[in-house]
C-alpha atoms as a PDB file:
ATOM      1  CA  MET A   1      96.792 131.039 144.427  1.00  0.00           C
ATOM      2  CA  PRO A   2     100.369 132.300 144.624  1.00  0.00           C
ATOM      3  CA  CYS A   3     100.265 133.923 141.196  1.00  0.00           C
ATOM      4  CA  ASP A   4      97.183 135.857 142.298  1.00  0.00           C
ATOM      5  CA  THR A   5      98.500 136.989 145.677  1.00  0.00           C
ATOM      6  CA  ALA A   6     100.630 139.882 144.450  1.00  0.00           C
ATOM      7  CA  ALA A   7      98.057 140.757 141.816  1.00  0.00           C
ATOM      8  CA  SER A   8      95.035 140.912 144.108  1.00  0.00           C
ATOM      9  CA  ASN A   9      95.289 144.702 144.470  1.00  0.00           C
ATOM     10  CA  ASN A  10      96.640 145.365 140.992  1.00  0.00           C
ATOM     11  CA  ALA A  11      94.014 145.046 138.250  1.00  0.00           C
ATOM     12  CA  ARG A  12      96.576 145.488 135.458  1.00  0.00           C
ATOM     13  CA  ARG A  13      98.766 142.634 136.741  1.00  0.00           C
ATOM     14  CA  LYS A  14      95.761 140.404 137.305  1.00  0.00           C
ATOM     15  CA  ARG A  15      94.680 140.982 133.686  1.00  0.00           C
ATOM     16  CA  ALA A  16      98.224 140.261 132.457  1.00  0.00           C
ATOM     17  CA  ILE A  17      98.224 136.946 134.351  1.00  0.00           C
ATOM     18  CA  GLU A  18      94.854 135.964 132.892  1.00  0.00           C
ATOM     19  CA  GLU A  19      96.024 136.878 129.370  1.00  0.00           C
ATOM     20  CA  SER A  20      99.207 134.857 129.826  1.00  0.00           C
ATOM     21  CA  ILE A  21      97.222 131.817 130.998  1.00  0.00           C
ATOM     22  CA  ALA A  22      94.888 132.192 127.998  1.00  0.00           C
ATOM     23  CA  ARG A  23      97.907 132.271 125.650  1.00  0.00           C
ATOM     24  CA  LEU A  24      99.261 129.140 127.336  1.00  0.00           C
ATOM     25  CA  ARG A  25      95.954 127.339 126.903  1.00  0.00           C
ATOM     26  CA  GLN A  26      95.883 128.276 123.207  1.00  0.00           C
ATOM     27  CA  SER A  27      99.474 127.247 122.593  1.00  0.00           C
ATOM     28  CA  LEU A  28      98.945 123.918 124.383  1.00  0.00           C
ATOM     29  CA  ALA A  29      95.944 123.281 122.118  1.00  0.00           C
ATOM     30  CA  ALA A  30      97.980 124.218 119.035  1.00  0.00           C
ATOM     31  CA  GLY A  31     100.938 122.101 120.153  1.00  0.00           C
ATOM     32  CA  THR A  32     103.364 125.033 120.098  1.00  0.00           C
ATOM     33  CA  THR A  33     103.872 124.640 123.844  1.00  0.00           C
ATOM     34  CA  LYS A  34     104.425 121.248 125.413  1.00  0.00           C
ATOM     35  CA  VAL A  35     104.702 119.842 128.915  1.00  0.00           C
ATOM     36  CA  THR A  36     107.919 118.116 129.980  1.00  0.00           C
ATOM     37  CA  ILE A  37     107.862 115.905 133.069  1.00  0.00           C
ATOM     38  CA  SER A  38     110.926 115.108 135.158  1.00  0.00           C
ATOM     39  CA  ARG A  39     111.603 111.378 135.259  1.00  0.00           C
ATOM     40  CA  ALA A  40     113.232 111.747 138.668  1.00  0.00           C
ATOM     41  CA  THR A  41     110.671 113.898 140.478  1.00  0.00           C
ATOM     42  CA  GLY A  42     107.486 114.069 138.398  1.00  0.00           C
ATOM     43  CA  ALA A  43     107.659 117.877 138.238  1.00  0.00           C
ATOM     44  CA  LEU A  44     106.551 119.707 135.101  1.00  0.00           C
ATOM     45  CA  VAL A  45     107.772 122.538 132.951  1.00  0.00           C
ATOM     46  CA  PHE A  46     106.163 124.193 129.949  1.00  0.00           C
ATOM     47  CA  THR A  47     108.430 124.346 126.902  1.00  0.00           C
ATOM     48  CA  GLY A  48     107.987 126.084 123.589  1.00  0.00           C
ATOM     49  CA  GLN A  49     106.164 129.195 122.467  1.00  0.00           C
ATOM     50  CA  TRP A  50     104.669 130.212 125.804  1.00  0.00           C
ATOM     51  CA  GLN A  51     108.130 130.670 127.328  1.00  0.00           C
ATOM     52  CA  GLU A  52     108.530 133.794 125.181  1.00  0.00           C
ATOM     53  CA  GLN A  53     105.162 135.267 126.168  1.00  0.00           C
ATOM     54  CA  ARG A  54     104.693 134.140 129.761  1.00  0.00           C
ATOM     55  CA  ASP A  55     104.771 137.699 131.160  1.00  0.00           C
ATOM     56  CA  GLY A  56     106.466 136.615 134.385  1.00  0.00           C
ATOM     57  CA  VAL A  57     103.931 133.888 135.231  1.00  0.00           C
ATOM     58  CA  ALA A  58     105.616 130.855 136.801  1.00  0.00           C
ATOM     59  CA  ASP A  59     104.933 127.371 135.442  1.00  0.00           C
ATOM     60  CA  VAL A  60     103.519 126.248 138.789  1.00  0.00           C
ATOM     61  CA  CYS A  61     101.061 129.159 138.819  1.00  0.00           C
ATOM     62  CA  ALA A  62     100.000 128.462 135.250  1.00  0.00           C
ATOM     63  CA  TYR A  63      99.589 124.786 136.074  1.00  0.00           C
ATOM     64  CA  ARG A  64      97.480 125.577 139.137  1.00  0.00           C
ATOM     65  CA  LYS A  65      95.213 127.980 137.243  1.00  0.00           C
ATOM     66  CA  LEU A  66      94.667 125.608 134.319  1.00  0.00           C
ATOM     67  CA  SER A  67      94.216 122.623 136.616  1.00  0.00           C
ATOM     68  CA  ALA A  68      91.658 124.459 138.742  1.00  0.00           C
ATOM     69  CA  ALA A  69      89.755 125.374 135.560  1.00  0.00           C
ATOM     70  CA  GLY A  70      89.731 121.731 134.436  1.00  0.00           C
ATOM     71  CA  SER A  71      91.596 122.586 131.237  1.00  0.00           C
ATOM     72  CA  PRO A  72      91.322 119.775 128.667  1.00  0.00           C
ATOM     73  CA  GLU A  73      94.361 121.237 126.892  1.00  0.00           C
ATOM     74  CA  LEU A  74      96.443 120.793 130.036  1.00  0.00           C
ATOM     75  CA  ARG A  75      95.164 117.257 130.643  1.00  0.00           C
ATOM     76  CA  GLN A  76      96.025 116.235 127.069  1.00  0.00           C
ATOM     77  CA  ALA A  77      99.481 117.825 127.245  1.00  0.00           C
ATOM     78  CA  ILE A  78     100.199 116.061 130.548  1.00  0.00           C
ATOM     79  CA  ALA A  79      99.031 112.714 129.132  1.00  0.00           C
ATOM     80  CA  ARG A  80     101.411 113.144 126.166  1.00  0.00           C
ATOM     81  CA  ALA A  81     104.283 114.140 128.453  1.00  0.00           C
ATOM     82  CA  GLU A  82     103.679 111.176 130.751  1.00  0.00           C
ATOM     83  CA  ALA A  83     103.734 108.817 127.769  1.00  0.00           C
ATOM     84  CA  ILE A  84     106.973 110.326 126.462  1.00  0.00           C
ATOM     85  CA  SER A  85     108.794 110.488 129.802  1.00  0.00           C
ATOM     86  CA  GLY A  86     107.505 107.209 131.175  1.00  0.00           C
ATOM     87  CA  SER A  87     106.795 109.033 134.447  1.00  0.00           C
ATOM     88  CA  LYS A  88     103.591 110.280 136.000  1.00  0.00           C
ATOM     89  CA  LEU A  89     103.092 113.895 137.000  1.00  0.00           C
ATOM     90  CA  ASN A  90     103.570 114.207 140.749  1.00  0.00           C
ATOM     91  CA  ARG A  91     101.125 116.905 141.815  1.00  0.00           C
ATOM     92  CA  GLN A  92     102.647 117.107 145.302  1.00  0.00           C
ATOM     93  CA  VAL A  93     106.073 117.883 143.841  1.00  0.00           C
ATOM     94  CA  VAL A  94     104.566 120.503 141.521  1.00  0.00           C
ATOM     95  CA  GLU A  95     102.649 122.076 144.401  1.00  0.00           C
ATOM     96  CA  ALA A  96     105.889 122.140 146.428  1.00  0.00           C
ATOM     97  CA  GLY A  97     107.373 124.328 143.702  1.00  0.00           C
ATOM     98  CA  VAL A  98     109.919 121.998 142.081  1.00  0.00           C
ATOM     99  CA  HIS A  99     110.689 123.621 138.736  1.00  0.00           C
ATOM    100  CA  SER A 100     113.153 123.975 135.879  1.00  0.00           C
ATOM    101  CA  HIS A 101     114.744 127.104 134.446  1.00  0.00           C
ATOM    102  CA  ASP A 102     116.186 125.347 131.411  1.00  0.00           C
ATOM    103  CA  GLY A 103     113.326 123.438 129.822  1.00  0.00           C
ATOM    104  CA  GLY A 104     113.685 120.356 131.987  1.00  0.00           C
ATOM    105  CA  ALA A 105     117.436 119.702 131.784  1.00  0.00           C
ATOM    106  CA  THR A 106     117.834 120.415 135.508  1.00  0.00           C
ATOM    107  CA  TRP A 107     115.305 120.707 138.329  1.00  0.00           C
ATOM    108  CA  HIS A 108     115.268 122.900 141.449  1.00  0.00           C
ATOM    109  CA  ALA A 109     113.346 122.868 144.688  1.00  0.00           C
ATOM    110  CA  GLY A 110     110.922 125.721 145.178  1.00  0.00           C
ATOM    111  CA  HIS A 111     112.420 129.151 145.840  1.00  0.00           C
END
């Protein structure tokens, strides 16, 4: 996965990524971090507490890691976000790297 690529030879960074993903999972479960889905594209962004403790982990990387692990916290957060936005998550758009730097106000192609 892209968030693992740079960390593959750096044990400290790999541990930091794993700890950040664990914090995200916990904050999704607690409801202190939420998923926002773009109505126009179906991309997602994490908003809330995790933004302050993400340790440089991109939303798309966090999504990929949690999705690959079958995270029930992620599935529930996505279901809530889809209900609120009226749009479905578009996994292809997420995988292409569409993201937001401002909590979902604007969206950008992958860079």
